[in-house]
Amino acid sequence: MGEPLRVGIVGAGKISGVYLRTLNRLTSVRLTAVTDLDEERARRLAEEGTAGGAGNGSEVAVVGSVAELVARDDVDAVLNLTIPAAHAEVALAALAAGKHVYGEKPLAATREEAEAVLAAARAAGLRVGCAPDTVLGTGTQTARKAVDDGLIGRPVSATAFMTCAGHERWHPDPEFYYRPGGGPLLDMGPYYLSALVHLLGPVVKVTGASARPRAERTIGSGPREGQTFGVEVDTHITGILEHADGTLTTLIMSFDVEAARLPRIEVHGTLASLSVPDPNLFEGPVEINRGDQWETLPPSAGYQDGDRGSGLADLAEALTDDRPHRACAELAAHVLDVMLTLLDAAEQGRALPVTSTCERPAPVALTSH
């Protein structure tokens, strides 16, 4: 292992604390600087990083702006934890300054922004990674190994379901989930679609339908409890995805289901069926049914101690090993394209081709960081 990758964080919101837990225990990365529009919030994160070990013994600096952070000599890579609307802008600024980038999902808000990030990275010879990295954990990776080892035979079909009654029941400021750029597909779809690409490969065609059963929602918790707000996007999405190998996935993403017993993901093959755990988590039971009963497979692949930030660690190790990193921008751009094409197909009422593609990332052997 070479010198640790020196990382500057842009965005010190709630998710940054989750990443900090991982950075505190990794030797392949070192936190050097933090910036946020709220300077006090950046200062608290920097102090926690210094005290917790993310700085590897050095003090984590507080920086006044994105421009200052990407210009620092002690920043090799930018961890982009800003709001989705700013993801592409921050990534492009970092790439222009010669820094690698790893960011929260989605890669960008539009296909055009995503392609601009990819093009800038190619031109500069730099790496861009993107969440989710949950699919690098033992849950999805053990399921993938079962598929790759032929335990279910040839994959024929899959299902992927994310259903709930709506985030306004628990989130004190939920409006952004119901505005353009929100909705269940763009919010949770990256987890499910990234897992499906790992399991079955890229998507080539989609058919979809969508609905907006309620025009208003009511906040259910916090200081604004009881307030109503308007819904600007469809909140129940269903689709059929055709993978490049011919496997068909049925997808439902909904904020309109009070209760359900639907599985998260299942893959059905010519020999057996596979139950895959929640792709929003790193771990979970993987079960196989060969025709009589379900049995749990022991973890056989994936990062055993995975948490948010595992994808950044994988990127750092990939630089040292001179190999592709797994939570890559090409996968994230394809997932974004699949989601937007599905929404287009639902609006137009017809099947549409997915014009982008990507390679299945390399599998993860059973290992710890």
Protein backbone atom coordinates (compact mmCIF):
# COMPACT_ATOMS: atom_id res chain seq x y z
CA MET A 1 0.00 0.00 0.00
CA GLY A 2 1.34 3.43 -0.96
CA GLU A 3 0.75 6.78 0.69
CA PRO A 4 -2.87 7.39 1.75
CA LEU A 5 -5.13 9.29 -0.63
CA ARG A 6 -5.58 12.79 0.81
CA VAL A 7 -9.26 13.74 0.79
CA GLY A 8 -11.10 17.03 1.10
CA ILE A 9 -14.82 16.95 1.92
CA VAL A 10 -17.25 19.38 0.30
CA GLY A 11 -20.50 19.37 2.25
CA ALA A 12 -20.67 18.73 6.01
CA GLY A 13 -24.33 17.71 6.24
CA LYS A 14 -25.80 14.68 8.00
CA ILE A 15 -24.36 12.06 5.63
CA SER A 16 -20.83 13.35 6.22
CA GLY A 17 -20.87 11.90 9.73
CA VAL A 18 -21.59 8.45 8.32
CA TYR A 19 -18.63 8.76 5.93
CA LEU A 20 -16.44 10.02 8.76
CA ARG A 21 -16.96 6.77 10.68
CA THR A 22 -15.35 4.92 7.77
CA LEU A 23 -12.58 7.47 7.20
CA ASN A 24 -11.68 7.26 10.89
CA ARG A 25 -10.61 3.62 10.56
CA LEU A 26 -9.10 3.47 7.06
CA THR A 27 -5.40 3.63 6.34
CA SER A 28 -5.79 4.03 2.57
CA VAL A 29 -7.29 7.53 2.86
CA ARG A 30 -6.60 10.59 5.01
CA LEU A 31 -8.96 13.49 5.58
CA THR A 32 -7.13 16.80 5.18
CA ALA A 33 -9.76 19.53 4.68
CA VAL A 34 -13.47 20.32 4.92
CA THR A 35 -15.64 23.08 3.48
CA ASP A 36 -19.34 23.85 3.79
CA LEU A 37 -21.60 26.84 3.26
CA ASP A 38 -22.12 26.70 7.04
CA GLU A 39 -18.62 27.33 8.44
CA GLU A 40 -19.56 26.16 11.92
CA ARG A 41 -20.82 22.86 10.56
CA ALA A 42 -17.54 22.42 8.64
CA ARG A 43 -15.59 23.21 11.80
CA ARG A 44 -17.45 20.56 13.82
CA LEU A 45 -16.79 17.91 11.16
CA ALA A 46 -13.10 18.86 10.94
CA GLU A 47 -12.74 18.63 14.72
CA GLU A 48 -14.46 15.24 14.77
CA GLY A 49 -12.18 14.05 11.97
CA THR A 50 -9.07 15.21 13.78
CA ALA A 51 -10.14 13.65 17.08
CA GLY A 52 -11.40 10.42 15.53
CA GLY A 53 -8.33 9.68 13.48
CA ALA A 54 -9.53 10.50 9.96
CA GLY A 55 -6.61 12.88 9.65
CA ASN A 56 -4.16 10.07 10.49
CA GLY A 57 -2.61 12.17 13.22
CA SER A 58 -2.81 15.52 11.42
CA GLU A 59 -5.26 18.35 12.03
CA VAL A 60 -8.09 18.57 9.50
CA ALA A 61 -8.31 22.08 8.05
CA VAL A 62 -11.47 24.16 7.62
CA VAL A 63 -11.56 25.85 4.21
CA GLY A 64 -13.72 28.80 3.17
CA SER A 65 -14.86 27.68 -0.29
CA VAL A 66 -14.86 24.90 -2.86
CA ALA A 67 -12.35 26.87 -4.95
CA GLU A 68 -9.94 27.07 -2.02
CA LEU A 69 -10.32 23.40 -1.16
CA VAL A 70 -9.68 22.07 -4.69
CA ALA A 71 -6.62 24.32 -4.99
CA ARG A 72 -4.92 22.84 -1.92
CA ASP A 73 -1.73 20.85 -2.41
CA ASP A 74 -2.76 18.43 0.35
CA VAL A 75 -5.98 17.36 -1.41
CA ASP A 76 -5.70 14.52 -3.93
CA ALA A 77 -9.41 13.73 -4.12
CA VAL A 78 -12.67 15.50 -3.33
CA LEU A 79 -15.46 13.73 -1.44
CA ASN A 80 -18.54 15.48 -2.82
CA LEU A 81 -21.38 15.39 -0.27
CA THR A 82 -23.33 18.40 -1.50
CA ILE A 83 -27.00 18.44 -2.53
CA PRO A 84 -27.76 16.57 -5.80
CA ALA A 85 -28.23 19.78 -7.78
CA ALA A 86 -24.61 20.75 -7.06
CA HIS A 87 -22.97 17.36 -7.69
CA ALA A 88 -21.87 18.05 -11.26
CA GLU A 89 -20.70 21.61 -10.54
CA VAL A 90 -18.46 20.53 -7.67
CA ALA A 91 -17.15 17.50 -9.58
CA LEU A 92 -16.21 19.63 -12.58
CA ALA A 93 -14.44 22.17 -10.36
CA ALA A 94 -12.44 19.40 -8.70
CA LEU A 95 -11.50 17.77 -12.01
CA ALA A 96 -10.45 21.12 -13.45
CA ALA A 97 -8.09 21.49 -10.49
CA GLY A 98 -6.57 18.06 -11.12
CA LYS A 99 -8.35 16.20 -8.30
CA HIS A 100 -10.05 12.82 -8.31
CA VAL A 101 -13.71 12.85 -7.21
CA TYR A 102 -15.97 10.54 -5.25
CA GLY A 103 -19.53 11.72 -4.67
CA GLU A 104 -22.89 10.83 -3.26
CA LYS A 105 -25.59 9.66 -5.65
CA PRO A 106 -26.72 10.71 -8.16
CA LEU A 107 -23.69 11.48 -10.31
CA ALA A 108 -25.53 14.48 -11.78
CA ALA A 109 -29.03 15.82 -12.27
CA THR A 110 -29.14 15.30 -16.05
CA ARG A 111 -27.61 13.09 -18.71
CA GLU A 112 -25.80 16.11 -20.14
CA GLU A 113 -24.20 16.97 -16.80
CA ALA A 114 -23.18 13.33 -16.27
CA GLU A 115 -21.53 13.17 -19.69
CA ALA A 116 -19.71 16.43 -19.00
CA VAL A 117 -18.24 14.94 -15.81
CA LEU A 118 -17.20 11.75 -17.63
CA ALA A 119 -15.64 13.74 -20.46
CA ALA A 120 -13.71 16.00 -18.07
CA ALA A 121 -12.36 12.99 -16.17
CA ARG A 122 -11.26 11.25 -19.37
CA ALA A 123 -9.54 14.39 -20.64
CA ALA A 124 -7.68 14.90 -17.36
CA GLY A 125 -6.87 11.24 -16.74
CA LEU A 126 -8.59 11.36 -13.35
CA ARG A 127 -10.91 9.02 -11.45
CA VAL A 128 -14.58 9.71 -10.64
CA GLY A 129 -16.46 7.44 -8.26
CA CYS A 130 -20.07 7.61 -7.15
CA ALA A 131 -22.31 6.07 -4.52
CA PRO A 132 -23.98 3.78 -3.79
CA ASP A 133 -21.19 1.58 -2.52
CA THR A 134 -23.58 -0.54 -0.46
CA VAL A 135 -23.54 -3.01 -3.37
CA LEU A 136 -19.89 -3.77 -2.56
CA GLY A 137 -20.91 -5.33 0.77
CA THR A 138 -21.45 -9.00 1.53
CA GLY A 139 -25.17 -8.87 0.73
CA THR A 140 -25.15 -8.01 -2.97
CA GLN A 141 -21.70 -9.49 -3.60
CA THR A 142 -22.59 -12.90 -2.11
CA ALA A 143 -25.69 -12.92 -4.31
CA ARG A 144 -23.61 -11.98 -7.33
CA LYS A 145 -21.16 -14.80 -6.65
CA ALA A 146 -24.07 -17.23 -6.51
CA VAL A 147 -25.25 -16.01 -9.92
CA ASP A 148 -21.73 -16.04 -11.41
CA ASP A 149 -21.07 -19.55 -10.02
CA GLY A 150 -24.19 -20.85 -11.77
CA LEU A 151 -26.08 -21.79 -8.60
CA ILE A 152 -29.38 -20.60 -10.08
CA GLY A 153 -28.62 -21.68 -13.66
CA ARG A 154 -29.22 -19.11 -16.37
CA PRO A 155 -30.94 -15.98 -15.04
CA VAL A 156 -34.39 -15.57 -16.57
CA SER A 157 -36.10 -12.82 -14.58
CA ALA A 158 -35.78 -10.61 -11.54
CA THR A 159 -37.93 -8.41 -9.34
CA ALA A 160 -36.97 -5.23 -7.49
CA PHE A 161 -39.38 -3.54 -5.10
CA MET A 162 -39.05 -0.43 -2.92
CA THR A 163 -42.39 0.51 -1.39
CA CYS A 164 -43.32 2.82 1.45
CA ALA A 165 -46.04 5.29 2.36
CA GLY A 166 -43.86 8.36 1.83
CA HIS A 167 -40.93 10.09 3.53
CA GLU A 168 -43.12 12.88 4.88
CA ARG A 169 -44.09 10.54 7.72
CA TRP A 170 -40.62 10.78 9.27
CA HIS A 171 -38.73 13.60 7.53
CA PRO A 172 -39.32 17.07 9.03
CA ASP A 173 -38.68 18.86 5.68
CA PRO A 174 -39.74 16.36 2.98
CA GLU A 175 -40.74 18.67 0.13
CA PHE A 176 -37.63 18.00 -1.99
CA TYR A 177 -38.66 14.35 -2.32
CA TYR A 178 -41.76 15.52 -4.20
CA ARG A 179 -40.24 18.13 -6.50
CA PRO A 180 -38.53 17.69 -9.89
CA GLY A 181 -35.44 15.57 -9.36
CA GLY A 182 -37.20 13.70 -6.55
CA GLY A 183 -39.68 10.86 -6.39
CA PRO A 184 -39.12 7.25 -5.36
CA LEU A 185 -37.20 6.23 -8.48
CA LEU A 186 -34.54 8.95 -8.40
CA ASP A 187 -34.32 8.76 -4.59
CA MET A 188 -33.97 4.99 -4.09
CA GLY A 189 -33.49 3.67 -7.62
CA PRO A 190 -29.68 4.05 -7.61
CA TYR A 191 -29.39 1.38 -4.90
CA TYR A 192 -31.60 -1.11 -6.69
CA LEU A 193 -30.37 -0.47 -10.21
CA SER A 194 -26.71 -0.55 -9.19
CA ALA A 195 -27.34 -3.92 -7.54
CA LEU A 196 -29.15 -5.19 -10.66
CA VAL A 197 -26.24 -4.19 -12.90
CA HIS A 198 -23.81 -5.98 -10.57
CA LEU A 199 -26.04 -9.07 -10.64
CA LEU A 200 -27.24 -9.11 -14.25
CA GLY A 201 -25.39 -6.49 -16.29
CA PRO A 202 -26.49 -3.28 -18.03
CA VAL A 203 -30.01 -2.45 -19.21
CA VAL A 204 -30.81 -2.02 -22.93
CA LYS A 205 -34.55 -1.25 -22.98
CA VAL A 206 -37.27 -0.10 -20.60
CA THR A 207 -41.06 0.08 -20.49
CA GLY A 208 -42.81 2.03 -17.77
CA ALA A 209 -45.91 3.55 -16.25
CA SER A 210 -46.32 6.01 -13.41
CA ALA A 211 -49.01 7.64 -11.27
CA ARG A 212 -49.53 10.49 -8.82
CA PRO A 213 -52.42 9.38 -6.59
CA ARG A 214 -52.27 12.37 -4.22
CA ALA A 215 -51.86 16.02 -5.07
CA GLU A 216 -50.84 16.96 -1.53
CA ARG A 217 -48.89 15.43 1.34
CA THR A 218 -48.94 16.19 5.07
CA ILE A 219 -45.80 16.41 7.22
CA GLY A 220 -46.04 13.86 10.00
CA SER A 221 -43.25 14.83 12.39
CA GLY A 222 -41.09 17.69 13.61
CA PRO A 223 -41.92 21.36 14.19
CA ARG A 224 -43.96 21.56 10.95
CA GLU A 225 -46.14 18.55 11.71
CA GLY A 226 -49.58 18.91 10.12
CA GLN A 227 -48.49 21.27 7.32
CA THR A 228 -49.40 20.25 3.78
CA PHE A 229 -47.46 20.76 0.54
CA GLY A 230 -48.01 20.06 -3.13
CA VAL A 231 -46.71 17.00 -5.01
CA GLU A 232 -44.96 17.89 -8.29
CA VAL A 233 -43.74 14.45 -9.45
CA ASP A 234 -45.19 10.99 -9.92
CA THR A 235 -44.88 8.91 -6.78
CA HIS A 236 -45.58 5.36 -8.02
CA ILE A 237 -43.33 4.03 -10.78
CA THR A 238 -43.46 0.58 -12.32
CA GLY A 239 -41.28 -0.69 -15.14
CA ILE A 240 -39.89 -3.60 -17.09
CA LEU A 241 -36.14 -3.57 -17.67
CA GLU A 242 -34.52 -5.68 -20.36
CA HIS A 243 -30.90 -6.50 -19.57
CA ALA A 244 -28.29 -7.05 -22.27
CA ASP A 245 -28.30 -10.81 -21.59
CA GLY A 246 -32.08 -10.99 -22.07
CA THR A 247 -33.04 -11.17 -18.39
CA LEU A 248 -36.24 -9.22 -17.61
CA THR A 249 -36.60 -7.28 -14.35
CA THR A 250 -39.93 -6.06 -12.96
CA LEU A 251 -39.40 -2.88 -10.94
CA ILE A 252 -41.73 -1.03 -8.57
CA MET A 253 -40.68 2.16 -6.74
CA SER A 254 -43.44 3.77 -4.70
CA PHE A 255 -44.26 6.34 -2.04
CA ASP A 256 -47.91 5.15 -2.12
CA VAL A 257 -47.89 1.75 -0.39
CA GLU A 258 -49.09 1.57 3.20
CA ALA A 259 -47.70 -1.92 3.82
CA ALA A 260 -46.26 -4.77 1.78
CA ARG A 261 -44.59 -8.18 2.05
CA LEU A 262 -42.70 -7.79 -1.19
CA PRO A 263 -39.05 -8.92 -1.32
CA ARG A 264 -36.35 -6.34 -1.99
CA ILE A 265 -34.76 -8.14 -4.93
CA GLU A 266 -35.18 -11.68 -6.26
CA VAL A 267 -33.41 -13.30 -9.20
CA HIS A 268 -35.01 -16.36 -10.81
CA GLY A 269 -32.98 -18.78 -12.90
CA THR A 270 -33.43 -22.06 -14.72
CA LEU A 271 -32.27 -24.04 -11.65
CA ALA A 272 -33.17 -21.97 -8.59
CA SER A 273 -34.34 -18.64 -7.17
CA LEU A 274 -32.23 -16.20 -5.18
CA SER A 275 -33.40 -13.72 -2.55
CA VAL A 276 -31.12 -10.67 -2.34
CA PRO A 277 -31.08 -8.38 0.73
CA ASP A 278 -31.83 -4.66 0.85
CA PRO A 279 -29.34 -2.93 -1.50
CA ASN A 280 -29.43 0.14 0.75
CA LEU A 281 -27.47 -1.95 3.27
CA PHE A 282 -24.05 -3.57 3.05
CA GLU A 283 -25.10 -6.81 4.71
CA GLY A 284 -28.10 -9.10 4.90
CA PRO A 285 -29.12 -12.72 4.38
CA VAL A 286 -28.82 -14.17 0.87
CA GLU A 287 -31.19 -17.10 0.41
CA ILE A 288 -31.50 -19.70 -2.35
CA ASN A 289 -34.40 -22.02 -3.16
CA ARG A 290 -33.72 -24.96 -5.45
CA GLY A 291 -37.34 -26.03 -5.49
CA ASP A 292 -38.25 -27.20 -2.00
CA GLN A 293 -37.13 -24.74 0.69
CA TRP A 294 -35.13 -21.58 1.26
CA GLU A 295 -31.62 -21.91 2.66
CA THR A 296 -29.24 -19.14 3.68
CA LEU A 297 -25.91 -18.90 1.89
CA PRO A 298 -22.92 -17.93 4.06
CA PRO A 299 -21.18 -14.67 3.11
CA SER A 300 -18.78 -15.55 0.30
CA ALA A 301 -17.92 -12.19 -1.28
CA GLY A 302 -17.85 -8.48 -0.53
CA TYR A 303 -16.41 -6.10 2.05
CA GLN A 304 -17.24 -7.64 5.43
CA ASP A 305 -16.95 -4.35 7.32
CA GLY A 306 -18.50 -2.14 4.66
CA ASP A 307 -19.98 1.25 5.37
CA ARG A 308 -20.46 4.51 3.44
CA GLY A 309 -17.01 5.35 2.16
CA SER A 310 -16.05 1.82 1.13
CA GLY A 311 -16.31 2.95 -2.49
CA LEU A 312 -13.84 5.77 -1.82
CA ALA A 313 -11.45 3.30 -0.19
CA ASP A 314 -11.82 1.01 -3.18
CA LEU A 315 -10.96 3.96 -5.47
CA ALA A 316 -7.84 4.72 -3.39
CA GLU A 317 -6.74 1.08 -3.53
CA ALA A 318 -7.48 0.94 -7.26
CA LEU A 319 -5.12 3.86 -7.85
CA THR A 320 -2.36 2.01 -6.01
CA ASP A 321 -3.11 -1.30 -7.79
CA ASP A 322 -3.63 0.36 -11.19
CA ARG A 323 -7.03 -1.27 -11.72
CA PRO A 324 -10.57 0.05 -12.36
CA HIS A 325 -12.48 1.10 -9.25
CA ARG A 326 -15.87 -0.49 -8.72
CA ALA A 327 -18.21 2.35 -7.66
CA CYS A 328 -17.40 4.08 -10.91
CA ALA A 329 -18.90 7.05 -12.74
CA GLU A 330 -19.70 4.97 -15.82
CA LEU A 331 -22.00 2.74 -13.77
CA ALA A 332 -23.57 5.77 -12.07
CA ALA A 333 -24.14 7.49 -15.42
CA HIS A 334 -25.79 4.35 -16.83
CA VAL A 335 -28.04 4.04 -13.77
CA LEU A 336 -29.06 7.70 -14.13
CA ASP A 337 -29.79 7.15 -17.82
CA VAL A 338 -31.91 4.05 -17.06
CA MET A 339 -33.97 5.98 -14.50
CA LEU A 340 -34.53 9.00 -16.74
CA THR A 341 -35.37 6.77 -19.72
CA LEU A 342 -37.87 4.87 -17.59
CA LEU A 343 -39.56 8.13 -16.61
CA ASP A 344 -39.61 9.14 -20.29
CA ALA A 345 -41.12 5.78 -21.24
CA ALA A 346 -43.82 6.18 -18.59
CA GLU A 347 -44.69 9.66 -19.85
CA GLN A 348 -44.75 8.57 -23.50
CA GLY A 349 -46.48 5.25 -22.88
CA ARG A 350 -44.05 3.17 -24.93
CA ALA A 351 -40.85 1.15 -24.70
CA LEU A 352 -37.62 3.10 -25.13
CA PRO A 353 -34.02 2.01 -25.71
CA VAL A 354 -31.35 2.88 -23.15
CA THR A 355 -28.57 4.44 -25.20
CA SER A 356 -25.83 4.24 -22.56
CA THR A 357 -24.10 1.14 -21.26
CA CYS A 358 -21.35 0.13 -18.84
CA GLU A 359 -19.25 -2.84 -17.84
CA ARG A 360 -20.21 -4.91 -14.82
CA PRO A 361 -17.73 -3.84 -12.16
CA ALA A 362 -15.31 -6.51 -11.00
CA PRO A 363 -16.62 -8.68 -8.15
CA VAL A 364 -15.35 -8.12 -4.62
CA ALA A 365 -13.63 -11.06 -2.94
CA LEU A 366 -14.58 -11.68 0.68
CA THR A 367 -12.28 -9.22 2.42
CA SER A 368 -11.94 -6.40 4.94
CA HIS A 369 -10.48 -2.95 4.29
